[in-house]
C-alpha atoms as a PDB file:
ATOM      1  CA  MET A   1      44.120  29.521   6.504  1.00  0.00           C
ATOM      2  CA  ALA A   2      45.051  25.806   6.449  1.00  0.00           C
ATOM      3  CA  HIS A   3      43.665  23.471   9.078  1.00  0.00           C
ATOM      4  CA  SER A   4      46.179  21.600  11.161  1.00  0.00           C
ATOM      5  CA  ALA A   5      45.502  17.955  11.992  1.00  0.00           C
ATOM      6  CA  SER A   6      44.257  18.957  15.439  1.00  0.00           C
ATOM      7  CA  THR A   7      41.766  21.573  14.166  1.00  0.00           C
ATOM      8  CA  ARG A   8      40.097  19.544  11.405  1.00  0.00           C
ATOM      9  CA  PRO A   9      36.374  19.150  11.894  1.00  0.00           C
ATOM     10  CA  ALA A  10      35.394  15.809  13.402  1.00  0.00           C
ATOM     11  CA  LEU A  11      33.987  13.263  10.971  1.00  0.00           C
ATOM     12  CA  PRO A  12      30.356  12.347  11.445  1.00  0.00           C
ATOM     13  CA  GLN A  13      29.777   9.171  13.450  1.00  0.00           C
ATOM     14  CA  GLY A  14      29.846   6.138  11.158  1.00  0.00           C
ATOM     15  CA  SER A  15      32.176   7.780   8.640  1.00  0.00           C
ATOM     16  CA  ALA A  16      34.489   5.534   6.643  1.00  0.00           C
ATOM     17  CA  SER A  17      37.955   6.341   5.421  1.00  0.00           C
ATOM     18  CA  ILE A  18      39.531   5.659   2.054  1.00  0.00           C
ATOM     19  CA  ASP A  19      41.516   2.938   3.866  1.00  0.00           C
ATOM     20  CA  ASP A  20      38.220   1.273   4.853  1.00  0.00           C
ATOM     21  CA  PHE A  21      37.124   1.327   1.218  1.00  0.00           C
ATOM     22  CA  ALA A  22      40.485  -0.051   0.050  1.00  0.00           C
ATOM     23  CA  ARG A  23      40.008  -3.151   2.242  1.00  0.00           C
ATOM     24  CA  LEU A  24      36.991  -4.153   0.156  1.00  0.00           C
ATOM     25  CA  ASP A  25      37.785  -6.240  -2.925  1.00  0.00           C
ATOM     26  CA  ILE A  26      35.010  -5.185  -5.311  1.00  0.00           C
ATOM     27  CA  ARG A  27      35.079  -6.813  -8.743  1.00  0.00           C
ATOM     28  CA  VAL A  28      33.186  -7.071 -12.002  1.00  0.00           C
ATOM     29  CA  GLY A  29      31.590 -10.452 -12.613  1.00  0.00           C
ATOM     30  CA  ARG A  30      29.468 -12.049 -15.338  1.00  0.00           C
ATOM     31  CA  VAL A  31      26.381 -14.051 -14.357  1.00  0.00           C
ATOM     32  CA  LEU A  32      26.677 -17.516 -15.891  1.00  0.00           C
ATOM     33  CA  GLN A  33      23.776 -19.327 -14.230  1.00  0.00           C
ATOM     34  CA  VAL A  34      20.597 -18.367 -12.388  1.00  0.00           C
ATOM     35  CA  LEU A  35      18.726 -21.036 -10.416  1.00  0.00           C
ATOM     36  CA  PRO A  36      15.621 -20.776  -8.239  1.00  0.00           C
ATOM     37  CA  PHE A  37      16.300 -21.012  -4.500  1.00  0.00           C
ATOM     38  CA  PRO A  38      13.056 -22.313  -2.950  1.00  0.00           C
ATOM     39  CA  GLU A  39      14.754 -23.163   0.381  1.00  0.00           C
ATOM     40  CA  ALA A  40      15.520 -19.495   1.096  1.00  0.00           C
ATOM     41  CA  ARG A  41      13.229 -17.739   3.606  1.00  0.00           C
ATOM     42  CA  ARG A  42      12.674 -14.836   1.214  1.00  0.00           C
ATOM     43  CA  PRO A  43      12.437 -15.278  -2.577  1.00  0.00           C
ATOM     44  CA  ALA A  44      15.968 -15.576  -3.958  1.00  0.00           C
ATOM     45  CA  TYR A  45      18.079 -16.907  -6.786  1.00  0.00           C
ATOM     46  CA  GLN A  46      21.318 -18.865  -6.635  1.00  0.00           C
ATOM     47  CA  LEU A  47      23.783 -17.161  -8.981  1.00  0.00           C
ATOM     48  CA  LEU A  48      26.973 -18.586 -10.456  1.00  0.00           C
ATOM     49  CA  ILE A  49      29.245 -15.676 -11.389  1.00  0.00           C
ATOM     50  CA  ASP A  50      32.519 -15.632 -13.346  1.00  0.00           C
ATOM     51  CA  PHE A  51      35.093 -13.307 -11.769  1.00  0.00           C
ATOM     52  CA  GLY A  52      37.818 -13.904 -14.372  1.00  0.00           C
ATOM     53  CA  GLN A  53      41.164 -14.752 -12.781  1.00  0.00           C
ATOM     54  CA  LEU A  54      39.422 -15.192  -9.390  1.00  0.00           C
ATOM     55  CA  GLY A  55      37.313 -18.025 -10.785  1.00  0.00           C
ATOM     56  CA  LEU A  56      33.662 -18.879 -10.338  1.00  0.00           C
ATOM     57  CA  ARG A  57      31.802 -17.775  -7.203  1.00  0.00           C
ATOM     58  CA  ARG A  58      28.273 -18.414  -5.974  1.00  0.00           C
ATOM     59  CA  SER A  59      25.855 -15.910  -4.496  1.00  0.00           C
ATOM     60  CA  SER A  60      22.360 -15.904  -3.051  1.00  0.00           C
ATOM     61  CA  ALA A  61      20.456 -12.832  -4.228  1.00  0.00           C
ATOM     62  CA  GLN A  62      16.982 -11.733  -3.107  1.00  0.00           C
ATOM     63  CA  ILE A  63      16.083 -10.308  -6.504  1.00  0.00           C
ATOM     64  CA  PRO A  64      13.254 -12.405  -8.063  1.00  0.00           C
ATOM     65  CA  SER A  65      10.725  -9.600  -7.523  1.00  0.00           C
ATOM     66  CA  THR A  66      13.026  -7.202  -9.409  1.00  0.00           C
ATOM     67  CA  TYR A  67      13.999  -9.746 -12.076  1.00  0.00           C
ATOM     68  CA  PRO A  68      11.051 -12.181 -12.383  1.00  0.00           C
ATOM     69  CA  ASP A  69      12.563 -13.609 -15.591  1.00  0.00           C
ATOM     70  CA  PRO A  70      15.936 -15.178 -14.654  1.00  0.00           C
ATOM     71  CA  ALA A  71      16.962 -14.976 -18.314  1.00  0.00           C
ATOM     72  CA  ALA A  72      17.291 -11.183 -17.857  1.00  0.00           C
ATOM     73  CA  LEU A  73      20.294 -11.868 -15.580  1.00  0.00           C
ATOM     74  CA  GLN A  74      22.039 -14.431 -17.776  1.00  0.00           C
ATOM     75  CA  GLY A  75      25.288 -12.987 -19.166  1.00  0.00           C
ATOM     76  CA  ARG A  76      24.880  -9.681 -17.321  1.00  0.00           C
ATOM     77  CA  LEU A  77      27.892  -7.883 -15.828  1.00  0.00           C
ATOM     78  CA  VAL A  78      27.417  -7.287 -12.086  1.00  0.00           C
ATOM     79  CA  ILE A  79      29.439  -5.841  -9.214  1.00  0.00           C
ATOM     80  CA  GLY A  80      30.324  -7.965  -6.194  1.00  0.00           C
ATOM     81  CA  VAL A  81      32.356  -7.825  -2.993  1.00  0.00           C
ATOM     82  CA  VAL A  82      34.558 -10.927  -3.214  1.00  0.00           C
ATOM     83  CA  ASN A  83      36.504 -10.787   0.064  1.00  0.00           C
ATOM     84  CA  PHE A  84      33.726 -11.162   2.630  1.00  0.00           C
ATOM     85  CA  PRO A  85      33.668 -14.535   4.393  1.00  0.00           C
ATOM     86  CA  PRO A  86      31.173 -16.993   2.855  1.00  0.00           C
ATOM     87  CA  ARG A  87      27.701 -17.137   4.423  1.00  0.00           C
ATOM     88  CA  ARG A  88      25.498 -20.210   4.724  1.00  0.00           C
ATOM     89  CA  ILE A  89      21.954 -19.509   3.589  1.00  0.00           C
ATOM     90  CA  ALA A  90      19.536 -22.439   3.811  1.00  0.00           C
ATOM     91  CA  GLY A  91      22.419 -24.871   3.258  1.00  0.00           C
ATOM     92  CA  PHE A  92      23.832 -22.899   0.302  1.00  0.00           C
ATOM     93  CA  GLU A  93      27.285 -21.266   0.554  1.00  0.00           C
ATOM     94  CA  SER A  94      27.030 -17.674  -0.688  1.00  0.00           C
ATOM     95  CA  GLN A  95      30.604 -16.574  -1.487  1.00  0.00           C
ATOM     96  CA  VAL A  96      30.005 -13.093  -2.922  1.00  0.00           C
ATOM     97  CA  LEU A  97      27.850 -10.098  -2.018  1.00  0.00           C
ATOM     98  CA  VAL A  98      26.310  -8.853  -5.269  1.00  0.00           C
ATOM     99  CA  LEU A  99      25.644  -5.110  -4.994  1.00  0.00           C
ATOM    100  CA  GLY A 100      22.349  -3.428  -5.799  1.00  0.00           C
ATOM    101  CA  ALA A 101      20.505  -0.218  -5.095  1.00  0.00           C
ATOM    102  CA  LEU A 102      17.901  -0.200  -2.310  1.00  0.00           C
ATOM    103  CA  PRO A 103      15.051   2.092  -3.403  1.00  0.00           C
ATOM    104  CA  LYS A 104      12.107   2.576  -1.050  1.00  0.00           C
ATOM    105  CA  ASP A 105       9.775   0.486  -3.236  1.00  0.00           C
ATOM    106  CA  GLY A 106      11.598  -2.718  -2.192  1.00  0.00           C
ATOM    107  CA  ARG A 107      13.089  -3.589  -5.569  1.00  0.00           C
ATOM    108  CA  ILE A 108      16.836  -4.297  -5.716  1.00  0.00           C
ATOM    109  CA  PRO A 109      18.189  -3.144  -9.093  1.00  0.00           C
ATOM    110  CA  LEU A 110      21.690  -4.577  -9.474  1.00  0.00           C
ATOM    111  CA  LEU A 111      24.682  -2.323  -9.999  1.00  0.00           C
ATOM    112  CA  SER A 112      26.391  -2.889 -13.325  1.00  0.00           C
ATOM    113  CA  VAL A 113      29.080  -1.434 -15.538  1.00  0.00           C
ATOM    114  CA  ASP A 114      29.217  -0.350 -19.149  1.00  0.00           C
ATOM    115  CA  GLU A 115      30.716  -2.633 -21.770  1.00  0.00           C
ATOM    116  CA  GLY A 116      34.484  -2.454 -21.772  1.00  0.00           C
ATOM    117  CA  ALA A 117      34.773  -3.948 -18.284  1.00  0.00           C
ATOM    118  CA  SER A 118      35.655  -7.630 -17.994  1.00  0.00           C
ATOM    119  CA  PRO A 119      35.069 -10.284 -15.344  1.00  0.00           C
ATOM    120  CA  GLY A 120      37.656  -9.901 -12.609  1.00  0.00           C
ATOM    121  CA  ASP A 121      38.294  -6.196 -13.172  1.00  0.00           C
ATOM    122  CA  PRO A 122      38.624  -4.381  -9.826  1.00  0.00           C
ATOM    123  CA  VAL A 123      36.228  -1.557  -8.972  1.00  0.00           C
ATOM    124  CA  GLY A 124      37.624   1.538  -7.322  1.00  0.00           C
END
């Protein structure tokens, strides 16, 4: 028996639709530069990321405890939301939200993609 629109089960509170997801512009980027960010309240790096045709974008990322050697991030492909408004963090304009996992141990391992993806490629 097919459900009609009026008899579908209600979505749990806080549910998102595919239209909500489609409003996010999530792209592949390549980390070009990693600088310390001593002015930040919590330990962070300033990242310069190449998003291909979208150009270079900056991000503040609270990941030094996960990546104590900034060289481990240099050249890495990352995933970022590029259409959030910029945020000012200790005088620095963070233009991209770089995505990472949030395990209970407090580390923030960054999301990445396999080779074959290029800076600027959309994620969907």
